[in-house]
Amino acid sequence: MKKRLFSIGFILFALIMPIACSSDEEIETLPVDENANKTCPVDEDKLDAAIVSFFNETLPNHPCYWPIETFFTPATEETNAYSLINNGQELQEAYKGDKDLPKIDFEQYTLIIGRVYTGGVTVDQQYLTKEKEDNVLVLHLVHEAVAAELFYTYYWGVYPKMTADHITIQLVYEK
């Protein structure tokens, strides 16, 4: 009986641990309002190829075992993080790498980059919505692998110009 309870407890721990460890005060998992007004990122086909290439290389949207330090410092390891970038100076300050940064028209656009620290997911869909007075970035996550380990998954999106200096991240786990 003790072995059975231990086994059940271990299995529950393995299943719940990735969810519990991936929480952060800035990032919430809430139900999605399907009727909400959505603002999608600018389609990659409409962006300069240099922007798409740069961010797909520096912020890969697949599970990574280690943090990529081109935008997020070791101080933010094992946490979810994001940056809302509204001008070239903010982009330059956020970037820690040595490649040339792509040119983004920040008069028209806002760049959102981020990282989720959770179990083997990719970002399938992302969009901005408004809930009361908050700007909410909704990330639909799809499990790529069943793993007890936690991974970093990065995301980025170029959105129509925003005046906000803060957003709330909402994670939606797809089955």
N, C-alpha and C. Protein backbone atom coordinates (compact mmCIF):
# COMPACT_ATOMS: atom_id res chain seq x y z
N MET A 1 0.82 -1.19 0.00
CA MET A 1 0.00 0.00 0.00
C MET A 1 0.86 1.26 0.00
N LYS A 2 1.94 1.25 0.81
CA LYS A 2 2.82 2.41 0.86
C LYS A 2 3.50 2.63 -0.49
N LYS A 3 3.89 1.52 -1.14
CA LYS A 3 4.53 1.65 -2.45
C LYS A 3 3.56 2.26 -3.46
N ARG A 4 2.31 1.83 -3.41
CA ARG A 4 1.31 2.34 -4.33
C ARG A 4 1.07 3.84 -4.11
N LEU A 5 0.93 4.27 -2.84
CA LEU A 5 0.75 5.68 -2.54
C LEU A 5 1.98 6.49 -2.96
N PHE A 6 3.16 5.94 -2.73
CA PHE A 6 4.39 6.62 -3.15
C PHE A 6 4.42 6.78 -4.66
N SER A 7 4.05 5.72 -5.38
CA SER A 7 4.05 5.77 -6.84
C SER A 7 3.05 6.80 -7.36
N ILE A 8 1.86 6.81 -6.79
CA ILE A 8 0.84 7.78 -7.20
C ILE A 8 1.31 9.19 -6.89
N GLY A 9 1.88 9.38 -5.71
CA GLY A 9 2.40 10.69 -5.33
C GLY A 9 3.50 11.16 -6.26
N PHE A 10 4.39 10.25 -6.63
CA PHE A 10 5.49 10.59 -7.54
C PHE A 10 4.95 10.99 -8.92
N ILE A 11 3.99 10.25 -9.42
CA ILE A 11 3.41 10.55 -10.73
C ILE A 11 2.72 11.92 -10.69
N LEU A 12 1.94 12.19 -9.64
CA LEU A 12 1.28 13.48 -9.53
C LEU A 12 2.30 14.61 -9.44
N PHE A 13 3.38 14.40 -8.69
CA PHE A 13 4.44 15.39 -8.58
C PHE A 13 5.05 15.67 -9.95
N ALA A 14 5.34 14.61 -10.72
CA ALA A 14 5.95 14.77 -12.04
C ALA A 14 5.03 15.52 -13.00
N LEU A 15 3.73 15.33 -12.85
CA LEU A 15 2.78 16.00 -13.73
C LEU A 15 2.54 17.45 -13.32
N ILE A 16 2.51 17.72 -12.03
CA ILE A 16 2.19 19.06 -11.54
C ILE A 16 3.41 19.96 -11.48
N MET A 17 4.58 19.41 -11.26
CA MET A 17 5.78 20.21 -11.09
C MET A 17 6.04 21.18 -12.24
N PRO A 18 5.97 20.77 -13.52
CA PRO A 18 6.23 21.74 -14.59
C PRO A 18 5.26 22.90 -14.58
N ILE A 19 4.03 22.66 -14.22
CA ILE A 19 3.03 23.73 -14.18
C ILE A 19 3.33 24.67 -13.02
N ALA A 20 3.62 24.11 -11.86
CA ALA A 20 3.89 24.93 -10.68
C ALA A 20 5.16 25.74 -10.85
N CYS A 21 6.18 25.16 -11.45
CA CYS A 21 7.46 25.85 -11.59
C CYS A 21 7.43 26.90 -12.68
N SER A 22 6.45 26.88 -13.55
CA SER A 22 6.46 27.83 -14.64
C SER A 22 5.65 29.09 -14.33
N SER A 23 5.16 29.20 -13.12
CA SER A 23 4.36 30.39 -12.82
C SER A 23 5.25 31.58 -12.50
N ASP A 24 4.71 32.76 -12.69
CA ASP A 24 5.41 34.00 -12.43
C ASP A 24 4.33 35.04 -12.17
N GLU A 25 4.63 36.04 -11.39
CA GLU A 25 3.61 37.04 -11.07
C GLU A 25 3.08 37.74 -12.30
N GLU A 26 3.92 37.96 -13.31
CA GLU A 26 3.51 38.67 -14.52
C GLU A 26 2.72 37.79 -15.47
N ILE A 27 2.83 36.47 -15.35
CA ILE A 27 2.23 35.57 -16.32
C ILE A 27 1.14 34.75 -15.66
N GLU A 28 -0.02 34.75 -16.26
CA GLU A 28 -1.16 34.06 -15.69
C GLU A 28 -1.71 33.04 -16.67
N THR A 29 -2.34 32.00 -16.15
CA THR A 29 -3.06 31.06 -16.98
C THR A 29 -4.54 31.25 -16.66
N LEU A 30 -5.27 31.77 -17.61
CA LEU A 30 -6.67 32.11 -17.42
C LEU A 30 -7.49 31.54 -18.56
N PRO A 31 -8.80 31.43 -18.37
CA PRO A 31 -9.63 31.01 -19.49
C PRO A 31 -9.63 32.06 -20.59
N VAL A 32 -9.77 31.62 -21.83
CA VAL A 32 -9.73 32.52 -22.97
C VAL A 32 -11.14 32.96 -23.32
N ASP A 33 -11.31 34.26 -23.53
CA ASP A 33 -12.58 34.79 -24.00
C ASP A 33 -12.54 34.77 -25.52
N GLU A 34 -13.22 33.81 -26.12
CA GLU A 34 -13.19 33.64 -27.57
C GLU A 34 -13.87 34.79 -28.31
N ASN A 35 -14.67 35.59 -27.60
CA ASN A 35 -15.35 36.72 -28.22
C ASN A 35 -14.55 38.01 -28.12
N ALA A 36 -13.38 37.96 -27.51
CA ALA A 36 -12.57 39.17 -27.30
C ALA A 36 -12.07 39.72 -28.63
N ASN A 37 -11.88 41.02 -28.65
CA ASN A 37 -11.32 41.69 -29.82
C ASN A 37 -9.82 41.36 -29.86
N LYS A 38 -9.35 40.76 -30.95
CA LYS A 38 -7.97 40.29 -31.03
C LYS A 38 -7.16 41.14 -32.01
N THR A 39 -5.93 41.44 -31.62
CA THR A 39 -4.97 42.08 -32.51
C THR A 39 -3.84 41.09 -32.73
N CYS A 40 -3.72 40.61 -33.95
CA CYS A 40 -2.69 39.62 -34.27
C CYS A 40 -1.40 40.34 -34.64
N PRO A 41 -0.26 39.65 -34.49
CA PRO A 41 0.99 40.27 -34.94
C PRO A 41 0.96 40.44 -36.46
N VAL A 42 1.80 41.33 -36.94
CA VAL A 42 1.91 41.54 -38.39
C VAL A 42 2.37 40.22 -39.00
N ASP A 43 1.72 39.81 -40.07
CA ASP A 43 2.08 38.57 -40.75
C ASP A 43 3.53 38.62 -41.19
N GLU A 44 4.27 37.53 -40.96
CA GLU A 44 5.69 37.49 -41.32
C GLU A 44 5.93 37.77 -42.79
N ASP A 45 4.97 37.43 -43.66
CA ASP A 45 5.11 37.70 -45.09
C ASP A 45 5.13 39.19 -45.40
N LYS A 46 4.58 40.00 -44.50
CA LYS A 46 4.51 41.44 -44.72
C LYS A 46 5.68 42.18 -44.07
N LEU A 47 6.52 41.46 -43.32
CA LEU A 47 7.68 42.06 -42.69
C LEU A 47 8.91 41.89 -43.56
N ASP A 48 9.89 42.73 -43.36
CA ASP A 48 11.17 42.60 -44.04
C ASP A 48 11.77 41.24 -43.67
N ALA A 49 12.32 40.55 -44.64
CA ALA A 49 12.89 39.21 -44.41
C ALA A 49 14.00 39.25 -43.37
N ALA A 50 14.73 40.36 -43.26
CA ALA A 50 15.80 40.47 -42.27
C ALA A 50 15.25 40.42 -40.84
N ILE A 51 14.07 41.01 -40.62
CA ILE A 51 13.44 40.97 -39.29
C ILE A 51 13.05 39.54 -38.94
N VAL A 52 12.38 38.87 -39.86
CA VAL A 52 11.93 37.50 -39.63
C VAL A 52 13.11 36.58 -39.38
N SER A 53 14.12 36.66 -40.22
CA SER A 53 15.30 35.81 -40.09
C SER A 53 16.01 36.05 -38.76
N PHE A 54 16.20 37.32 -38.41
CA PHE A 54 16.91 37.65 -37.17
C PHE A 54 16.20 37.08 -35.95
N PHE A 55 14.89 37.33 -35.82
CA PHE A 55 14.19 36.89 -34.62
C PHE A 55 13.94 35.39 -34.60
N ASN A 56 13.75 34.75 -35.75
CA ASN A 56 13.62 33.29 -35.76
C ASN A 56 14.92 32.61 -35.35
N GLU A 57 16.06 33.23 -35.66
CA GLU A 57 17.35 32.66 -35.25
C GLU A 57 17.68 32.95 -33.79
N THR A 58 17.41 34.17 -33.33
CA THR A 58 17.81 34.55 -31.97
C THR A 58 16.80 34.15 -30.91
N LEU A 59 15.54 33.95 -31.29
CA LEU A 59 14.49 33.57 -30.35
C LEU A 59 13.70 32.38 -30.93
N PRO A 60 14.30 31.19 -30.91
CA PRO A 60 13.65 30.03 -31.54
C PRO A 60 12.36 29.61 -30.82
N ASN A 61 11.35 29.31 -31.61
CA ASN A 61 10.06 28.87 -31.07
C ASN A 61 10.02 27.34 -31.02
N HIS A 62 10.93 26.78 -30.26
CA HIS A 62 10.93 25.35 -29.98
C HIS A 62 11.62 25.14 -28.64
N PRO A 63 11.38 24.03 -27.96
CA PRO A 63 11.98 23.83 -26.64
C PRO A 63 13.51 23.84 -26.69
N CYS A 64 14.13 24.62 -25.80
CA CYS A 64 15.58 24.70 -25.66
C CYS A 64 15.96 24.30 -24.24
N TYR A 65 17.00 23.51 -24.10
CA TYR A 65 17.43 23.06 -22.77
C TYR A 65 18.09 24.17 -21.97
N TRP A 66 18.66 25.16 -22.63
CA TRP A 66 19.42 26.19 -21.95
C TRP A 66 18.88 27.56 -22.36
N PRO A 67 19.10 28.56 -21.52
CA PRO A 67 18.62 29.89 -21.89
C PRO A 67 19.48 30.51 -22.98
N ILE A 68 18.85 31.21 -23.88
CA ILE A 68 19.57 31.95 -24.92
C ILE A 68 19.72 33.36 -24.38
N GLU A 69 20.94 33.82 -24.28
CA GLU A 69 21.21 35.08 -23.59
C GLU A 69 21.31 36.29 -24.52
N THR A 70 20.74 36.20 -25.72
CA THR A 70 20.80 37.36 -26.61
C THR A 70 19.86 38.47 -26.16
N PHE A 71 18.80 38.12 -25.45
CA PHE A 71 17.88 39.13 -24.94
C PHE A 71 17.62 39.01 -23.44
N PHE A 72 17.67 37.82 -22.91
CA PHE A 72 17.33 37.62 -21.51
C PHE A 72 18.57 37.19 -20.74
N THR A 73 18.86 37.88 -19.67
CA THR A 73 20.09 37.66 -18.92
C THR A 73 19.96 36.46 -17.99
N PRO A 74 21.09 35.94 -17.51
CA PRO A 74 21.04 34.82 -16.57
C PRO A 74 20.24 35.12 -15.31
N ALA A 75 20.11 36.39 -14.95
CA ALA A 75 19.34 36.74 -13.77
C ALA A 75 17.87 36.36 -13.92
N THR A 76 17.42 36.21 -15.15
CA THR A 76 16.02 35.85 -15.38
C THR A 76 15.88 34.36 -15.73
N GLU A 77 16.91 33.57 -15.47
CA GLU A 77 16.81 32.14 -15.75
C GLU A 77 15.66 31.51 -14.98
N GLU A 78 15.12 30.47 -15.54
CA GLU A 78 14.06 29.68 -14.93
C GLU A 78 12.84 30.51 -14.57
N THR A 79 12.59 31.52 -15.37
CA THR A 79 11.38 32.32 -15.20
C THR A 79 10.81 32.63 -16.57
N ASN A 80 9.57 33.03 -16.57
CA ASN A 80 8.96 33.57 -17.77
C ASN A 80 9.34 35.04 -17.84
N ALA A 81 9.58 35.54 -19.02
CA ALA A 81 9.98 36.93 -19.15
C ALA A 81 9.49 37.47 -20.49
N TYR A 82 9.33 38.78 -20.56
CA TYR A 82 8.98 39.42 -21.83
C TYR A 82 9.52 40.84 -21.84
N SER A 83 9.62 41.40 -23.03
CA SER A 83 9.97 42.81 -23.20
C SER A 83 9.03 43.42 -24.24
N LEU A 84 8.57 44.58 -23.93
CA LEU A 84 7.72 45.37 -24.82
C LEU A 84 8.61 46.49 -25.34
N ILE A 85 8.93 46.46 -26.64
CA ILE A 85 9.93 47.36 -27.21
C ILE A 85 9.25 48.32 -28.18
N ASN A 86 9.36 49.62 -27.88
CA ASN A 86 8.68 50.65 -28.67
C ASN A 86 9.60 51.57 -29.46
N ASN A 87 10.92 51.37 -29.36
CA ASN A 87 11.83 52.20 -30.14
C ASN A 87 13.18 51.50 -30.31
N GLY A 88 13.98 52.05 -31.20
CA GLY A 88 15.27 51.45 -31.52
C GLY A 88 16.22 51.42 -30.34
N GLN A 89 16.19 52.44 -29.50
CA GLN A 89 17.07 52.46 -28.33
C GLN A 89 16.71 51.33 -27.36
N GLU A 90 15.44 51.10 -27.13
CA GLU A 90 15.02 50.00 -26.25
C GLU A 90 15.47 48.65 -26.83
N LEU A 91 15.38 48.50 -28.15
CA LEU A 91 15.82 47.26 -28.79
C LEU A 91 17.33 47.08 -28.61
N GLN A 92 18.09 48.15 -28.82
CA GLN A 92 19.54 48.09 -28.67
C GLN A 92 19.92 47.75 -27.23
N GLU A 93 19.23 48.34 -26.26
CA GLU A 93 19.51 48.08 -24.85
C GLU A 93 19.15 46.65 -24.46
N ALA A 94 18.12 46.10 -25.06
CA ALA A 94 17.67 44.74 -24.72
C ALA A 94 18.57 43.67 -25.31
N TYR A 95 19.17 43.96 -26.46
CA TYR A 95 19.95 42.96 -27.20
C TYR A 95 21.35 42.83 -26.65
N LYS A 96 21.77 41.60 -26.35
CA LYS A 96 23.09 41.32 -25.78
C LYS A 96 24.02 40.63 -26.78
N GLY A 97 23.56 40.42 -28.00
CA GLY A 97 24.34 39.68 -28.99
C GLY A 97 25.25 40.58 -29.80
N ASP A 98 25.86 39.97 -30.84
CA ASP A 98 26.81 40.72 -31.66
C ASP A 98 26.39 40.85 -33.13
N LYS A 99 25.22 40.35 -33.49
CA LYS A 99 24.73 40.52 -34.86
C LYS A 99 24.14 41.92 -35.02
N ASP A 100 24.09 42.37 -36.27
CA ASP A 100 23.44 43.65 -36.56
C ASP A 100 21.93 43.49 -36.37
N LEU A 101 21.34 44.47 -35.70
CA LEU A 101 19.89 44.44 -35.47
C LEU A 101 19.15 44.83 -36.75
N PRO A 102 18.01 44.19 -37.00
CA PRO A 102 17.22 44.58 -38.17
C PRO A 102 16.53 45.92 -37.93
N LYS A 103 16.20 46.58 -38.98
CA LYS A 103 15.51 47.87 -38.89
C LYS A 103 14.00 47.63 -38.79
N ILE A 104 13.42 48.18 -37.74
CA ILE A 104 11.97 48.08 -37.52
C ILE A 104 11.42 49.50 -37.46
N ASP A 105 10.32 49.74 -38.14
CA ASP A 105 9.69 51.06 -38.13
C ASP A 105 8.88 51.21 -36.84
N PHE A 106 9.54 51.74 -35.80
CA PHE A 106 8.87 51.87 -34.51
C PHE A 106 7.86 53.01 -34.46
N GLU A 107 7.76 53.78 -35.52
CA GLU A 107 6.69 54.77 -35.62
C GLU A 107 5.36 54.05 -35.84
N GLN A 108 5.41 52.88 -36.50
CA GLN A 108 4.20 52.11 -36.81
C GLN A 108 4.03 50.86 -35.95
N TYR A 109 5.14 50.35 -35.40
CA TYR A 109 5.08 49.03 -34.76
C TYR A 109 5.67 49.01 -33.35
N THR A 110 5.23 48.01 -32.61
CA THR A 110 5.79 47.64 -31.31
C THR A 110 6.25 46.20 -31.42
N LEU A 111 7.41 45.91 -30.87
CA LEU A 111 7.96 44.56 -30.85
C LEU A 111 7.74 43.95 -29.47
N ILE A 112 7.21 42.74 -29.43
CA ILE A 112 7.09 42.01 -28.17
C ILE A 112 7.93 40.75 -28.31
N ILE A 113 8.87 40.57 -27.37
CA ILE A 113 9.68 39.36 -27.34
C ILE A 113 9.49 38.73 -25.97
N GLY A 114 9.64 37.42 -25.90
CA GLY A 114 9.46 36.79 -24.60
C GLY A 114 9.94 35.36 -24.55
N ARG A 115 9.83 34.83 -23.34
CA ARG A 115 10.26 33.46 -23.08
C ARG A 115 9.31 32.85 -22.05
N VAL A 116 8.92 31.61 -22.31
CA VAL A 116 8.18 30.84 -21.30
C VAL A 116 9.07 29.68 -20.87
N TYR A 117 9.01 29.38 -19.61
CA TYR A 117 9.80 28.31 -19.02
C TYR A 117 8.82 27.25 -18.56
N THR A 118 8.66 26.23 -19.38
CA THR A 118 7.66 25.22 -19.10
C THR A 118 8.06 23.92 -19.81
N GLY A 119 7.24 22.92 -19.76
CA GLY A 119 7.59 21.61 -20.28
C GLY A 119 7.35 21.41 -21.76
N GLY A 120 8.38 21.50 -22.59
CA GLY A 120 8.37 21.10 -23.99
C GLY A 120 7.25 21.62 -24.85
N VAL A 121 7.08 22.94 -24.96
CA VAL A 121 6.00 23.51 -25.76
C VAL A 121 6.55 24.41 -26.86
N THR A 122 5.71 24.68 -27.85
CA THR A 122 5.96 25.74 -28.82
C THR A 122 4.76 26.68 -28.78
N VAL A 123 4.98 27.90 -29.22
CA VAL A 123 3.89 28.87 -29.30
C VAL A 123 3.22 28.68 -30.65
N ASP A 124 1.98 28.22 -30.62
CA ASP A 124 1.23 27.94 -31.84
C ASP A 124 0.56 29.20 -32.38
N GLN A 125 0.08 30.05 -31.46
CA GLN A 125 -0.67 31.24 -31.85
C GLN A 125 -0.47 32.29 -30.77
N GLN A 126 -0.42 33.55 -31.18
CA GLN A 126 -0.35 34.64 -30.22
C GLN A 126 -1.16 35.82 -30.74
N TYR A 127 -1.75 36.57 -29.81
CA TYR A 127 -2.49 37.77 -30.17
C TYR A 127 -2.68 38.63 -28.93
N LEU A 128 -2.92 39.91 -29.16
CA LEU A 128 -3.22 40.86 -28.09
C LEU A 128 -4.72 41.03 -27.98
N THR A 129 -5.17 41.22 -26.77
CA THR A 129 -6.57 41.51 -26.53
C THR A 129 -6.64 42.48 -25.35
N LYS A 130 -7.78 43.05 -25.15
CA LYS A 130 -7.98 44.00 -24.06
C LYS A 130 -8.94 43.38 -23.06
N GLU A 131 -8.56 43.34 -21.79
CA GLU A 131 -9.45 42.89 -20.72
C GLU A 131 -9.51 44.00 -19.70
N LYS A 132 -10.67 44.59 -19.59
CA LYS A 132 -10.87 45.79 -18.77
C LYS A 132 -9.88 46.84 -19.25
N GLU A 133 -8.92 47.21 -18.45
CA GLU A 133 -7.96 48.23 -18.85
C GLU A 133 -6.60 47.65 -19.18
N ASP A 134 -6.47 46.33 -19.10
CA ASP A 134 -5.19 45.67 -19.33
C ASP A 134 -5.03 45.19 -20.77
N ASN A 135 -3.81 45.34 -21.30
CA ASN A 135 -3.44 44.71 -22.56
C ASN A 135 -2.95 43.31 -22.22
N VAL A 136 -3.52 42.31 -22.86
CA VAL A 136 -3.19 40.92 -22.57
C VAL A 136 -2.65 40.26 -23.83
N LEU A 137 -1.46 39.68 -23.72
CA LEU A 137 -0.90 38.89 -24.80
C LEU A 137 -1.25 37.43 -24.52
N VAL A 138 -2.05 36.85 -25.38
CA VAL A 138 -2.47 35.46 -25.22
C VAL A 138 -1.54 34.58 -26.05
N LEU A 139 -0.93 33.59 -25.41
CA LEU A 139 -0.05 32.64 -26.07
C LEU A 139 -0.68 31.26 -26.02
N HIS A 140 -0.98 30.69 -27.18
CA HIS A 140 -1.48 29.32 -27.25
C HIS A 140 -0.27 28.40 -27.38
N LEU A 141 -0.09 27.53 -26.40
CA LEU A 141 1.07 26.65 -26.34
C LEU A 141 0.67 25.23 -26.70
N VAL A 142 1.50 24.57 -27.49
CA VAL A 142 1.26 23.19 -27.91
C VAL A 142 2.43 22.36 -27.41
N HIS A 143 2.13 21.25 -26.76
CA HIS A 143 3.19 20.37 -26.26
C HIS A 143 3.86 19.65 -27.41
N GLU A 144 5.18 19.79 -27.48
CA GLU A 144 5.98 19.10 -28.49
C GLU A 144 6.45 17.75 -27.98
N ALA A 145 6.63 17.65 -26.68
CA ALA A 145 7.12 16.42 -26.09
C ALA A 145 6.58 16.32 -24.68
N VAL A 146 6.38 15.10 -24.23
CA VAL A 146 5.99 14.88 -22.85
C VAL A 146 7.28 14.76 -22.06
N ALA A 147 7.49 15.70 -21.17
CA ALA A 147 8.75 15.71 -20.43
C ALA A 147 8.53 16.22 -19.02
N ALA A 148 9.25 15.60 -18.11
CA ALA A 148 9.23 16.09 -16.73
C ALA A 148 10.19 17.26 -16.60
N GLU A 149 11.09 17.41 -17.58
CA GLU A 149 12.04 18.52 -17.55
C GLU A 149 11.37 19.79 -18.05
N LEU A 150 11.93 20.90 -17.64
CA LEU A 150 11.44 22.19 -18.11
C LEU A 150 12.36 22.72 -19.19
N PHE A 151 11.78 23.41 -20.14
CA PHE A 151 12.52 23.95 -21.28
C PHE A 151 12.18 25.43 -21.43
N TYR A 152 13.02 26.13 -22.18
CA TYR A 152 12.76 27.50 -22.57
C TYR A 152 12.16 27.48 -23.97
N THR A 153 11.11 28.22 -24.17
CA THR A 153 10.55 28.45 -25.49
C THR A 153 10.41 29.95 -25.66
N TYR A 154 10.87 30.45 -26.79
CA TYR A 154 10.88 31.88 -27.04
C TYR A 154 9.80 32.25 -28.05
N TYR A 155 9.38 33.50 -28.01
CA TYR A 155 8.40 33.99 -28.97
C TYR A 155 8.69 35.45 -29.28
N TRP A 156 8.19 35.90 -30.39
CA TRP A 156 8.31 37.30 -30.77
C TRP A 156 7.16 37.66 -31.69
N GLY A 157 6.82 38.93 -31.74
CA GLY A 157 5.79 39.40 -32.64
C GLY A 157 5.91 40.90 -32.83
N VAL A 158 5.68 41.34 -34.05
CA VAL A 158 5.64 42.76 -34.38
C VAL A 158 4.16 43.13 -34.48
N TYR A 159 3.75 44.07 -33.64
CA TYR A 159 2.34 44.45 -33.55
C TYR A 159 2.16 45.90 -33.97
N PRO A 160 0.94 46.27 -34.36
CA PRO A 160 0.67 47.69 -34.59
C PRO A 160 1.07 48.47 -33.33
N LYS A 161 1.50 49.70 -33.52
CA LYS A 161 2.03 50.53 -32.44
C LYS A 161 1.13 50.54 -31.21
N MET A 162 1.75 50.31 -30.06
CA MET A 162 1.05 50.33 -28.77
C MET A 162 1.61 51.48 -27.94
N THR A 163 0.80 52.05 -27.08
CA THR A 163 1.28 53.08 -26.17
C THR A 163 1.52 52.50 -24.77
N ALA A 164 1.12 51.28 -24.53
CA ALA A 164 1.26 50.66 -23.21
C ALA A 164 2.73 50.39 -22.89
N ASP A 165 3.05 50.41 -21.61
CA ASP A 165 4.40 50.04 -21.19
C ASP A 165 4.37 48.72 -20.40
N HIS A 166 3.21 48.10 -20.34
CA HIS A 166 3.05 46.84 -19.60
C HIS A 166 1.96 45.99 -20.27
N ILE A 167 2.18 44.70 -20.30
CA ILE A 167 1.15 43.77 -20.74
C ILE A 167 1.10 42.63 -19.76
N THR A 168 0.00 41.92 -19.75
CA THR A 168 -0.14 40.70 -18.98
C THR A 168 -0.07 39.54 -19.97
N ILE A 169 0.65 38.51 -19.61
CA ILE A 169 0.77 37.34 -20.47
C ILE A 169 -0.20 36.27 -19.98
N GLN A 170 -0.96 35.73 -20.91
CA GLN A 170 -1.91 34.67 -20.59
C GLN A 170 -1.51 33.42 -21.37
N LEU A 171 -1.20 32.35 -20.66
CA LEU A 171 -0.82 31.09 -21.29
C LEU A 171 -2.02 30.19 -21.44
N VAL A 172 -2.20 29.65 -22.64
CA VAL A 172 -3.29 28.72 -22.92
C VAL A 172 -2.65 27.44 -23.44
N TYR A 173 -2.79 26.35 -22.71
CA TYR A 173 -2.20 25.08 -23.10
C TYR A 173 -3.19 24.31 -23.95
N GLU A 174 -2.81 24.06 -25.20
CA GLU A 174 -3.66 23.30 -26.12
C GLU A 174 -3.41 21.81 -25.91
N LYS A 175 -4.42 21.02 -26.19
CA LYS A 175 -4.27 19.56 -26.06
C LYS A 175 -3.80 18.95 -27.34
